[in-house]
C-alpha atoms as a PDB file:
ATOM      1  CA  UNK A   1       0.000   0.000   0.000  1.00  0.00           C
ATOM      2  CA  UNK A   2       1.398   3.395  -0.947  1.00  0.00           C
ATOM      3  CA  UNK A   3       2.176   6.052   1.588  1.00  0.00           C
ATOM      4  CA  UNK A   4       0.071   9.275   1.292  1.00  0.00           C
ATOM      5  CA  UNK A   5       1.877  12.315  -0.075  1.00  0.00           C
ATOM      6  CA  UNK A   6       3.118  15.059   2.226  1.00  0.00           C
ATOM      7  CA  UNK A   7       0.220  17.293   1.074  1.00  0.00           C
ATOM      8  CA  UNK A   8      -2.279  14.566   1.900  1.00  0.00           C
ATOM      9  CA  UNK A   9      -0.748  13.967   5.321  1.00  0.00           C
ATOM     10  CA  UNK A  10      -0.655  17.681   6.200  1.00  0.00           C
ATOM     11  CA  UNK A  11      -4.102  18.641   4.941  1.00  0.00           C
ATOM     12  CA  UNK A  12      -6.079  15.423   5.131  1.00  0.00           C
ATOM     13  CA  UNK A  13      -6.635  15.758   1.384  1.00  0.00           C
ATOM     14  CA  UNK A  14      -8.835  14.686  -0.325  1.00  0.00           C
ATOM     15  CA  UNK A  15     -10.966  14.975   2.817  1.00  0.00           C
ATOM     16  CA  UNK A  16     -10.335  17.744   5.307  1.00  0.00           C
ATOM     17  CA  UNK A  17     -12.006  17.742   8.696  1.00  0.00           C
ATOM     18  CA  UNK A  18     -13.106  21.180   9.794  1.00  0.00           C
ATOM     19  CA  UNK A  19     -14.862  21.539  13.117  1.00  0.00           C
ATOM     20  CA  UNK A  20     -16.976  24.610  13.717  1.00  0.00           C
ATOM     21  CA  UNK A  21     -18.800  25.943  16.738  1.00  0.00           C
ATOM     22  CA  UNK A  22     -21.939  28.005  16.961  1.00  0.00           C
ATOM     23  CA  UNK A  23     -24.637  28.811  19.457  1.00  0.00           C
ATOM     24  CA  UNK A  24     -27.338  26.130  19.456  1.00  0.00           C
ATOM     25  CA  UNK A  25     -29.960  28.588  18.120  1.00  0.00           C
ATOM     26  CA  UNK A  26     -27.739  29.288  15.121  1.00  0.00           C
ATOM     27  CA  UNK A  27     -26.725  25.656  14.677  1.00  0.00           C
ATOM     28  CA  UNK A  28     -30.277  24.295  14.409  1.00  0.00           C
ATOM     29  CA  UNK A  29     -30.793  26.540  11.370  1.00  0.00           C
ATOM     30  CA  UNK A  30     -27.381  26.221   9.739  1.00  0.00           C
ATOM     31  CA  UNK A  31     -26.049  22.718  10.308  1.00  0.00           C
ATOM     32  CA  UNK A  32     -28.117  21.068   7.552  1.00  0.00           C
ATOM     33  CA  UNK A  33     -27.206  23.917   5.175  1.00  0.00           C
ATOM     34  CA  UNK A  34     -23.504  23.414   5.891  1.00  0.00           C
ATOM     35  CA  UNK A  35     -23.841  19.702   5.183  1.00  0.00           C
ATOM     36  CA  UNK A  36     -25.604  20.491   1.892  1.00  0.00           C
ATOM     37  CA  UNK A  37     -22.808  22.898   0.924  1.00  0.00           C
ATOM     38  CA  UNK A  38     -20.296  20.116   1.546  1.00  0.00           C
ATOM     39  CA  UNK A  39     -21.994  17.598  -0.768  1.00  0.00           C
ATOM     40  CA  UNK A  40     -19.523  16.395  -3.402  1.00  0.00           C
ATOM     41  CA  UNK A  41     -21.993  16.341  -6.291  1.00  0.00           C
ATOM     42  CA  UNK A  42     -23.816  18.670  -8.704  1.00  0.00           C
ATOM     43  CA  UNK A  43     -26.183  19.874  -5.964  1.00  0.00           C
ATOM     44  CA  UNK A  44     -23.254  20.853  -3.735  1.00  0.00           C
ATOM     45  CA  UNK A  45     -21.512  22.555  -6.671  1.00  0.00           C
ATOM     46  CA  UNK A  46     -24.678  24.545  -7.420  1.00  0.00           C
ATOM     47  CA  UNK A  47     -25.161  25.578  -3.801  1.00  0.00           C
ATOM     48  CA  UNK A  48     -21.531  26.718  -3.512  1.00  0.00           C
ATOM     49  CA  UNK A  49     -21.762  28.640  -6.804  1.00  0.00           C
ATOM     50  CA  UNK A  50     -24.878  30.448  -5.564  1.00  0.00           C
ATOM     51  CA  UNK A  51     -22.759  31.867  -2.751  1.00  0.00           C
ATOM     52  CA  UNK A  52     -20.004  33.170  -5.043  1.00  0.00           C
ATOM     53  CA  UNK A  53     -21.240  36.767  -4.788  1.00  0.00           C
ATOM     54  CA  UNK A  54     -20.787  36.601  -1.010  1.00  0.00           C
ATOM     55  CA  UNK A  55     -17.021  36.578  -1.536  1.00  0.00           C
ATOM     56  CA  UNK A  56     -17.182  39.877  -3.456  1.00  0.00           C
ATOM     57  CA  UNK A  57     -19.400  41.708  -0.988  1.00  0.00           C
ATOM     58  CA  UNK A  58     -18.285  43.445   2.177  1.00  0.00           C
ATOM     59  CA  UNK A  59     -21.783  43.345   3.610  1.00  0.00           C
ATOM     60  CA  UNK A  60     -24.116  40.338   3.829  1.00  0.00           C
ATOM     61  CA  UNK A  61     -25.912  39.822   0.518  1.00  0.00           C
ATOM     62  CA  UNK A  62     -29.692  40.093   0.893  1.00  0.00           C
ATOM     63  CA  UNK A  63     -30.542  39.323  -2.724  1.00  0.00           C
ATOM     64  CA  UNK A  64     -29.054  39.223  -6.199  1.00  0.00           C
ATOM     65  CA  UNK A  65     -31.226  40.012  -9.184  1.00  0.00           C
ATOM     66  CA  UNK A  66     -29.642  39.389 -12.568  1.00  0.00           C
ATOM     67  CA  UNK A  67     -30.528  40.411 -16.061  1.00  0.00           C
ATOM     68  CA  UNK A  68     -28.855  39.159 -19.210  1.00  0.00           C
ATOM     69  CA  UNK A  69     -25.960  41.610 -18.912  1.00  0.00           C
ATOM     70  CA  UNK A  70     -26.704  43.353 -15.630  1.00  0.00           C
ATOM     71  CA  UNK A  71     -26.659  42.657 -11.911  1.00  0.00           C
ATOM     72  CA  UNK A  72     -28.412  44.263  -8.936  1.00  0.00           C
ATOM     73  CA  UNK A  73     -26.934  43.091  -5.624  1.00  0.00           C
ATOM     74  CA  UNK A  74     -28.796  44.218  -2.502  1.00  0.00           C
ATOM     75  CA  UNK A  75     -26.604  44.453   0.605  1.00  0.00           C
ATOM     76  CA  UNK A  76     -27.799  44.069   4.165  1.00  0.00           C
ATOM     77  CA  UNK A  77     -28.482  43.701   6.889  1.00  0.00           C
ATOM     78  CA  UNK A  78     -31.948  45.215   6.546  1.00  0.00           C
ATOM     79  CA  UNK A  79     -32.792  48.141   8.788  1.00  0.00           C
ATOM     80  CA  UNK A  80     -36.454  48.531   9.657  1.00  0.00           C
ATOM     81  CA  UNK A  81     -37.386  52.192  10.025  1.00  0.00           C
ATOM     82  CA  UNK A  82     -40.994  53.258  10.040  1.00  0.00           C
ATOM     83  CA  UNK A  83     -42.844  51.181   7.450  1.00  0.00           C
ATOM     84  CA  UNK A  84     -39.786  50.562   5.268  1.00  0.00           C
ATOM     85  CA  UNK A  85     -37.146  47.829   5.245  1.00  0.00           C
ATOM     86  CA  UNK A  86     -33.985  49.521   4.030  1.00  0.00           C
ATOM     87  CA  UNK A  87     -30.992  47.671   2.687  1.00  0.00           C
ATOM     88  CA  UNK A  88     -27.650  49.190   3.646  1.00  0.00           C
ATOM     89  CA  UNK A  89     -26.983  49.842  -0.018  1.00  0.00           C
ATOM     90  CA  UNK A  90     -26.551  47.989  -3.274  1.00  0.00           C
ATOM     91  CA  UNK A  91     -24.307  47.410  -6.239  1.00  0.00           C
ATOM     92  CA  UNK A  92     -25.454  47.659  -9.822  1.00  0.00           C
ATOM     93  CA  UNK A  93     -23.374  46.441 -12.735  1.00  0.00           C
ATOM     94  CA  UNK A  94     -24.219  46.739 -16.387  1.00  0.00           C
ATOM     95  CA  UNK A  95     -22.372  47.241 -19.655  1.00  0.00           C
ATOM     96  CA  UNK A  96     -19.752  49.869 -18.829  1.00  0.00           C
ATOM     97  CA  UNK A  97     -21.300  50.690 -15.432  1.00  0.00           C
ATOM     98  CA  UNK A  98     -20.466  49.760 -11.859  1.00  0.00           C
ATOM     99  CA  UNK A  99     -22.169  51.847  -9.192  1.00  0.00           C
ATOM    100  CA  UNK A 100     -22.931  51.689  -5.488  1.00  0.00           C
ATOM    101  CA  UNK A 101     -26.369  52.965  -4.500  1.00  0.00           C
ATOM    102  CA  UNK A 102     -27.250  54.419  -1.128  1.00  0.00           C
ATOM    103  CA  UNK A 103     -30.133  52.996   0.959  1.00  0.00           C
ATOM    104  CA  UNK A 104     -32.779  55.347  -0.521  1.00  0.00           C
ATOM    105  CA  UNK A 105     -31.719  54.707  -4.132  1.00  0.00           C
ATOM    106  CA  UNK A 106     -31.637  50.983  -3.352  1.00  0.00           C
ATOM    107  CA  UNK A 107     -35.168  51.128  -1.912  1.00  0.00           C
ATOM    108  CA  UNK A 108     -36.496  52.838  -5.048  1.00  0.00           C
ATOM    109  CA  UNK A 109     -34.711  50.552  -7.537  1.00  0.00           C
ATOM    110  CA  UNK A 110     -35.636  47.423  -5.592  1.00  0.00           C
ATOM    111  CA  UNK A 111     -39.293  48.470  -5.653  1.00  0.00           C
ATOM    112  CA  UNK A 112     -39.166  49.017  -9.428  1.00  0.00           C
ATOM    113  CA  UNK A 113     -37.393  45.715 -10.092  1.00  0.00           C
ATOM    114  CA  UNK A 114     -39.778  43.761  -7.858  1.00  0.00           C
ATOM    115  CA  UNK A 115     -42.784  45.380  -9.573  1.00  0.00           C
ATOM    116  CA  UNK A 116     -41.357  44.352 -12.960  1.00  0.00           C
ATOM    117  CA  UNK A 117     -40.802  40.794 -11.710  1.00  0.00           C
ATOM    118  CA  UNK A 118     -44.344  40.656 -10.320  1.00  0.00           C
ATOM    119  CA  UNK A 119     -45.770  41.945 -13.607  1.00  0.00           C
ATOM    120  CA  UNK A 120     -43.870  39.310 -15.620  1.00  0.00           C
ATOM    121  CA  UNK A 121     -44.822  36.426 -13.303  1.00  0.00           C
ATOM    122  CA  UNK A 122     -48.508  37.392 -13.302  1.00  0.00           C
ATOM    123  CA  UNK A 123     -48.333  37.864 -17.083  1.00  0.00           C
ATOM    124  CA  UNK A 124     -46.843  34.385 -17.490  1.00  0.00           C
ATOM    125  CA  UNK A 125     -49.559  32.886 -15.271  1.00  0.00           C
ATOM    126  CA  UNK A 126     -52.240  34.585 -17.345  1.00  0.00           C
ATOM    127  CA  UNK A 127     -50.589  33.829 -20.709  1.00  0.00           C
ATOM    128  CA  UNK A 128     -50.307  30.108 -19.906  1.00  0.00           C
ATOM    129  CA  UNK A 129     -53.640  29.743 -18.095  1.00  0.00           C
ATOM    130  CA  UNK A 130     -51.961  28.564 -14.900  1.00  0.00           C
ATOM    131  CA  UNK A 131     -54.748  29.922 -12.698  1.00  0.00           C
ATOM    132  CA  UNK A 132     -56.989  27.206 -14.211  1.00  0.00           C
ATOM    133  CA  UNK A 133     -54.705  24.444 -12.956  1.00  0.00           C
ATOM    134  CA  UNK A 134     -55.295  22.965  -9.510  1.00  0.00           C
ATOM    135  CA  UNK A 135     -52.878  24.098  -6.812  1.00  0.00           C
ATOM    136  CA  UNK A 136     -50.119  21.663  -6.020  1.00  0.00           C
ATOM    137  CA  UNK A 137     -47.705  21.139  -3.160  1.00  0.00           C
ATOM    138  CA  UNK A 138     -44.457  23.063  -3.661  1.00  0.00           C
ATOM    139  CA  UNK A 139     -42.329  20.022  -2.736  1.00  0.00           C
ATOM    140  CA  UNK A 140     -40.596  18.339  -5.699  1.00  0.00           C
ATOM    141  CA  UNK A 141     -39.953  14.600  -5.775  1.00  0.00           C
ATOM    142  CA  UNK A 142     -36.505  14.801  -7.339  1.00  0.00           C
ATOM    143  CA  UNK A 143     -36.350  11.092  -8.154  1.00  0.00           C
ATOM    144  CA  UNK A 144     -39.292  11.610 -10.497  1.00  0.00           C
ATOM    145  CA  UNK A 145     -38.945  15.276 -11.489  1.00  0.00           C
ATOM    146  CA  UNK A 146     -35.224  15.417 -12.343  1.00  0.00           C
ATOM    147  CA  UNK A 147     -35.278  12.684 -15.031  1.00  0.00           C
ATOM    148  CA  UNK A 148     -38.415  14.268 -16.543  1.00  0.00           C
ATOM    149  CA  UNK A 149     -36.734  17.693 -16.603  1.00  0.00           C
ATOM    150  CA  UNK A 150     -33.605  16.272 -18.225  1.00  0.00           C
ATOM    151  CA  UNK A 151     -35.676  14.454 -20.856  1.00  0.00           C
ATOM    152  CA  UNK A 152     -37.548  17.693 -21.603  1.00  0.00           C
ATOM    153  CA  UNK A 153     -34.241  19.564 -22.053  1.00  0.00           C
ATOM    154  CA  UNK A 154     -32.830  16.873 -24.351  1.00  0.00           C
ATOM    155  CA  UNK A 155     -36.018  16.895 -26.421  1.00  0.00           C
ATOM    156  CA  UNK A 156     -36.015  20.698 -26.675  1.00  0.00           C
ATOM    157  CA  UNK A 157     -32.347  20.887 -27.671  1.00  0.00           C
ATOM    158  CA  UNK A 158     -32.970  18.304 -30.387  1.00  0.00           C
ATOM    159  CA  UNK A 159     -35.697  20.413 -32.033  1.00  0.00           C
ATOM    160  CA  UNK A 160     -35.599  23.658 -33.935  1.00  0.00           C
ATOM    161  CA  UNK A 161     -35.667  25.900 -30.871  1.00  0.00           C
ATOM    162  CA  UNK A 162     -36.039  29.158 -32.737  1.00  0.00           C
ATOM    163  CA  UNK A 163     -39.586  28.371 -33.801  1.00  0.00           C
ATOM    164  CA  UNK A 164     -40.737  27.906 -30.228  1.00  0.00           C
ATOM    165  CA  UNK A 165     -38.536  30.268 -28.184  1.00  0.00           C
ATOM    166  CA  UNK A 166     -39.724  33.803 -27.580  1.00  0.00           C
ATOM    167  CA  UNK A 167     -37.563  36.796 -26.836  1.00  0.00           C
ATOM    168  CA  UNK A 168     -38.326  38.300 -23.454  1.00  0.00           C
ATOM    169  CA  UNK A 169     -36.023  41.253 -23.967  1.00  0.00           C
ATOM    170  CA  UNK A 170     -37.954  44.407 -24.782  1.00  0.00           C
END
């Protein structure tokens, strides 16, 4: 049997044990998330990638809203004053633009973006007659749903997509 390399012996590579401590109230909410982040599969990769923006931000990221070529990152923590929930600020990036917005500008842009999202979702529901469908549970049985989704993607890629795809850019 071969002897592990120096790197493997020093770091525990390929598996590294990292113990962490937290207050029990924090741990009951975060432990399962930490385990999901550590999964060595496509789900774990996706979860870790979703946190990539956290490394760029000095403040905790409340939300990230992306367009095709633009980004709106809302930074927290939220401050509740009066009837409003202010973010501490935000970052917008677009072609040739990078700008930090103050809390008031962030509040106004976030309201506009969320109204646009709401309008598009309600429009989609109406356009596809989804209100006529019976309500379903939000839980997804991945053993059934994932293979169906993959088959749908393979079928769609195999067809002439341009006849069925619509442009949502206005």
